[in-house]
C-alpha cells in the first residue's frame, strides 16, 4: 500500500482589508444655515445703519437697538459658525490621521509578511501597495541566496505577488515563496 505525501501548501500573503479613505471636510447643512443667518443679520445691520443715516439731522432717528441687535446676532452666529467649521476640520483631520496610521501599520505588516514568505529583505524604502490592483516601482531586494535584484510588488485578486528580473512587472518572473 503506497501512501502519497501531502502536497506542501505555501501561504499566500493577503492584501490588507482597509476601510475607504475618509472624506475631506465639507461643511454640513447646519453650518451652511448658520452662515446664511450671519449674512441675513449683516444685511439687516447695513439696512439699519443706512436707515439711521438718511434724512436731515433733525429728522434722522437714532435707533441704536435696531442697529446693534443685527450686529450682535451676526457676531454671535459668526462665532458659532467658526466653531462648527473648526471642530469639523479637526474631526476630519483626526479621521485622516487614524486612516493614515492604519495604512502605515498595514504596509509594515505586509512588508514583514512578504519578507517572511519569500525569504527576501527589502533594501529600498519604496512603499508596499496595500490596495488591490496596485503595483510598486522597482524595489531593491536581497534574495534568499544573498544576491541583490530589483523586484516589483503587485496586488492581484487580493493576494501579493513579488516579480523579479524584468524592466516591467509584466515581463518579470514571479518569485516563489520559500518553504517554512
Protein backbone atom coordinates (compact mmCIF):
# COMPACT_ATOMS: atom_id res chain seq x y z
CA UNK A 1 0.00 0.00 0.00
CA UNK A 2 1.55 3.22 -1.13
CA UNK A 3 0.85 6.48 0.65
CA UNK A 4 1.41 9.75 -1.11
CA UNK A 5 2.92 12.60 0.81
CA UNK A 6 0.60 15.56 1.24
CA UNK A 7 1.33 18.49 -1.02
CA UNK A 8 3.12 21.38 0.62
CA UNK A 9 0.83 24.40 0.60
CA UNK A 10 2.74 27.63 0.82
CA UNK A 11 0.94 30.54 2.43
CA UNK A 12 -0.06 33.47 0.31
CA UNK A 13 0.16 36.97 1.68
CA UNK A 14 -3.26 38.58 1.59
CA UNK A 15 -3.77 42.25 0.81
CA UNK A 16 -4.98 44.06 3.96
CA UNK A 17 -8.63 44.98 4.10
CA UNK A 18 -8.63 48.69 4.88
CA UNK A 19 -11.74 50.82 5.04
CA UNK A 20 -12.08 53.51 2.38
CA UNK A 21 -10.24 56.77 2.96
CA UNK A 22 -12.23 59.33 4.92
CA UNK A 23 -13.82 62.16 3.00
CA UNK A 24 -12.21 65.60 3.28
CA UNK A 25 -14.02 68.17 5.40
CA UNK A 26 -17.09 69.79 3.90
CA UNK A 27 -19.42 71.98 5.96
CA UNK A 28 -22.68 70.34 6.87
CA UNK A 29 -26.14 71.80 6.24
CA UNK A 30 -26.40 73.28 9.75
CA UNK A 31 -23.09 75.12 9.33
CA UNK A 32 -24.24 76.49 5.98
CA UNK A 33 -27.54 77.54 7.58
CA UNK A 34 -25.67 79.38 10.36
CA UNK A 35 -23.62 81.33 7.81
CA UNK A 36 -26.77 82.17 5.82
CA UNK A 37 -28.20 83.59 9.04
CA UNK A 38 -24.96 85.57 9.51
CA UNK A 39 -25.38 87.03 6.01
CA UNK A 40 -29.03 87.96 6.72
CA UNK A 41 -28.11 89.58 10.04
CA UNK A 42 -25.36 91.56 8.30
CA UNK A 43 -27.86 92.76 5.69
CA UNK A 44 -30.24 93.84 8.47
CA UNK A 45 -27.36 95.67 10.16
CA UNK A 46 -26.47 97.51 6.94
CA UNK A 47 -30.13 98.37 6.33
CA UNK A 48 -30.48 99.74 9.88
CA UNK A 49 -27.32 101.84 9.52
CA UNK A 50 -28.45 103.22 6.14
CA UNK A 51 -31.92 103.95 7.52
CA UNK A 52 -30.47 105.78 10.55
CA UNK A 53 -28.18 107.96 8.44
CA UNK A 54 -30.71 109.12 5.84
CA UNK A 55 -32.63 112.36 6.03
CA UNK A 56 -31.72 115.64 7.68
CA UNK A 57 -30.05 115.77 11.08
CA UNK A 58 -33.19 116.72 12.89
CA UNK A 59 -35.30 114.04 11.24
CA UNK A 60 -32.60 111.39 11.50
CA UNK A 61 -33.65 108.73 14.02
CA UNK A 62 -31.11 107.13 16.34
CA UNK A 63 -32.34 103.55 16.52
CA UNK A 64 -29.45 102.06 18.45
CA UNK A 65 -31.41 98.93 19.20
CA UNK A 66 -32.19 98.42 15.53
CA UNK A 67 -28.50 98.88 14.70
CA UNK A 68 -26.93 96.86 17.50
CA UNK A 69 -29.24 93.81 17.54
CA UNK A 70 -28.43 92.65 13.99
CA UNK A 71 -24.74 93.35 14.59
CA UNK A 72 -24.76 91.33 17.82
CA UNK A 73 -26.70 88.49 16.24
CA UNK A 74 -24.29 88.43 13.30
CA UNK A 75 -21.28 88.31 15.62
CA UNK A 76 -22.71 85.52 17.76
CA UNK A 77 -23.76 83.45 14.74
CA UNK A 78 -20.38 84.03 13.10
CA UNK A 79 -18.65 82.76 16.24
CA UNK A 80 -20.91 79.69 16.28
CA UNK A 81 -20.19 79.08 12.59
CA UNK A 82 -16.43 79.38 13.11
CA UNK A 83 -16.59 76.90 16.00
CA UNK A 84 -18.57 74.48 13.82
CA UNK A 85 -16.07 74.78 10.96
CA UNK A 86 -13.02 74.38 13.20
CA UNK A 87 -14.49 71.36 15.00
CA UNK A 88 -15.45 69.79 11.66
CA UNK A 89 -11.95 70.34 10.27
CA UNK A 90 -10.35 68.89 13.40
CA UNK A 91 -12.63 65.86 13.27
CA UNK A 92 -11.79 65.29 9.60
CA UNK A 93 -8.07 65.67 10.34
CA UNK A 94 -8.33 63.17 13.21
CA UNK A 95 -10.15 60.69 10.95
CA UNK A 96 -7.49 61.14 8.27
CA UNK A 97 -4.74 60.68 10.87
CA UNK A 98 -6.28 57.40 12.07
CA UNK A 99 -6.62 56.20 8.49
CA UNK A 100 -3.02 57.14 7.68
CA UNK A 101 -1.82 55.32 10.82
CA UNK A 102 -3.78 52.23 9.74
CA UNK A 103 -2.21 52.43 6.26
CA UNK A 104 1.31 52.69 7.71
CA UNK A 105 0.66 49.73 10.04
CA UNK A 106 -0.83 47.67 7.18
CA UNK A 107 2.17 48.45 4.98
CA UNK A 108 4.63 47.48 7.72
CA UNK A 109 2.76 44.22 8.34
CA UNK A 110 2.63 43.44 4.62
CA UNK A 111 6.35 44.20 4.24
CA UNK A 112 7.20 41.82 7.12
CA UNK A 113 4.90 39.09 5.79
CA UNK A 114 6.37 39.39 2.29
CA UNK A 115 9.92 39.19 3.68
CA UNK A 116 9.00 36.10 5.72
CA UNK A 117 7.04 34.39 2.92
CA UNK A 118 9.53 34.98 0.12
CA UNK A 119 12.72 34.99 2.21
CA UNK A 120 13.69 38.38 0.86
CA UNK A 121 14.81 41.59 2.50
CA UNK A 122 13.67 44.93 1.14
CA UNK A 123 16.67 47.23 0.74
CA UNK A 124 14.76 50.24 -0.54
CA UNK A 125 12.16 52.39 1.13
CA UNK A 126 9.56 52.04 -1.57
CA UNK A 127 6.09 51.71 -0.20
CA UNK A 128 4.28 48.40 -0.46
CA UNK A 129 0.88 48.56 -2.19
CA UNK A 130 -1.96 47.96 0.20
CA UNK A 131 -4.91 48.12 -2.17
CA UNK A 132 -5.85 45.50 -4.72
CA UNK A 133 -4.73 46.21 -8.27
CA UNK A 134 -1.68 48.31 -7.37
CA UNK A 135 1.98 47.74 -8.09
CA UNK A 136 5.18 49.42 -6.99
CA UNK A 137 8.11 50.57 -9.00
CA UNK A 138 11.26 48.50 -8.76
CA UNK A 139 12.26 47.67 -5.19
CA UNK A 140 15.81 46.63 -4.45
CA UNK A 141 15.72 43.35 -2.52
CA UNK A 142 18.14 40.76 -1.20
CA UNK A 143 17.09 37.28 -2.27
CA UNK A 144 17.36 34.20 -0.04
CA UNK A 145 20.66 33.26 -1.73
CA UNK A 146 22.17 36.63 -0.73
CA UNK A 147 22.12 38.20 -4.20
CA UNK A 148 20.53 41.59 -4.88
CA UNK A 149 17.98 42.32 -7.57
CA UNK A 150 15.17 44.66 -8.48
CA UNK A 151 11.65 43.35 -7.90
CA UNK A 152 8.09 44.59 -8.32
CA UNK A 153 5.42 44.06 -5.68
CA UNK A 154 1.92 43.63 -7.09
CA UNK A 155 -1.52 43.06 -5.64
CA UNK A 156 -3.91 40.95 -7.70
CA UNK A 157 -7.07 39.17 -6.67
CA UNK A 158 -6.49 40.05 -3.01
CA UNK A 159 -3.00 38.49 -2.88
CA UNK A 160 0.51 39.84 -3.09
CA UNK A 161 2.93 38.76 -5.77
CA UNK A 162 6.64 39.55 -5.99
CA UNK A 163 8.13 39.59 -9.51
CA UNK A 164 11.83 39.99 -10.26
CA UNK A 165 14.18 40.26 -13.21
CA UNK A 166 12.41 42.42 -15.75
CA UNK A 167 12.01 46.01 -16.75
CA UNK A 168 8.28 45.97 -16.03
CA UNK A 169 6.09 43.91 -13.75
CA UNK A 170 4.55 42.12 -16.72
CA UNK A 171 7.85 40.83 -18.11
CA UNK A 172 9.28 39.87 -14.70
CA UNK A 173 9.33 36.37 -13.26
CA UNK A 174 7.16 35.61 -10.21
CA UNK A 175 9.22 34.82 -7.13
CA UNK A 176 8.36 31.54 -5.42
CA UNK A 177 7.65 31.53 -1.67
CA UNK A 178 10.24 29.78 0.48
CA UNK A 179 9.28 26.70 2.46
CA UNK A 180 8.88 27.05 6.18
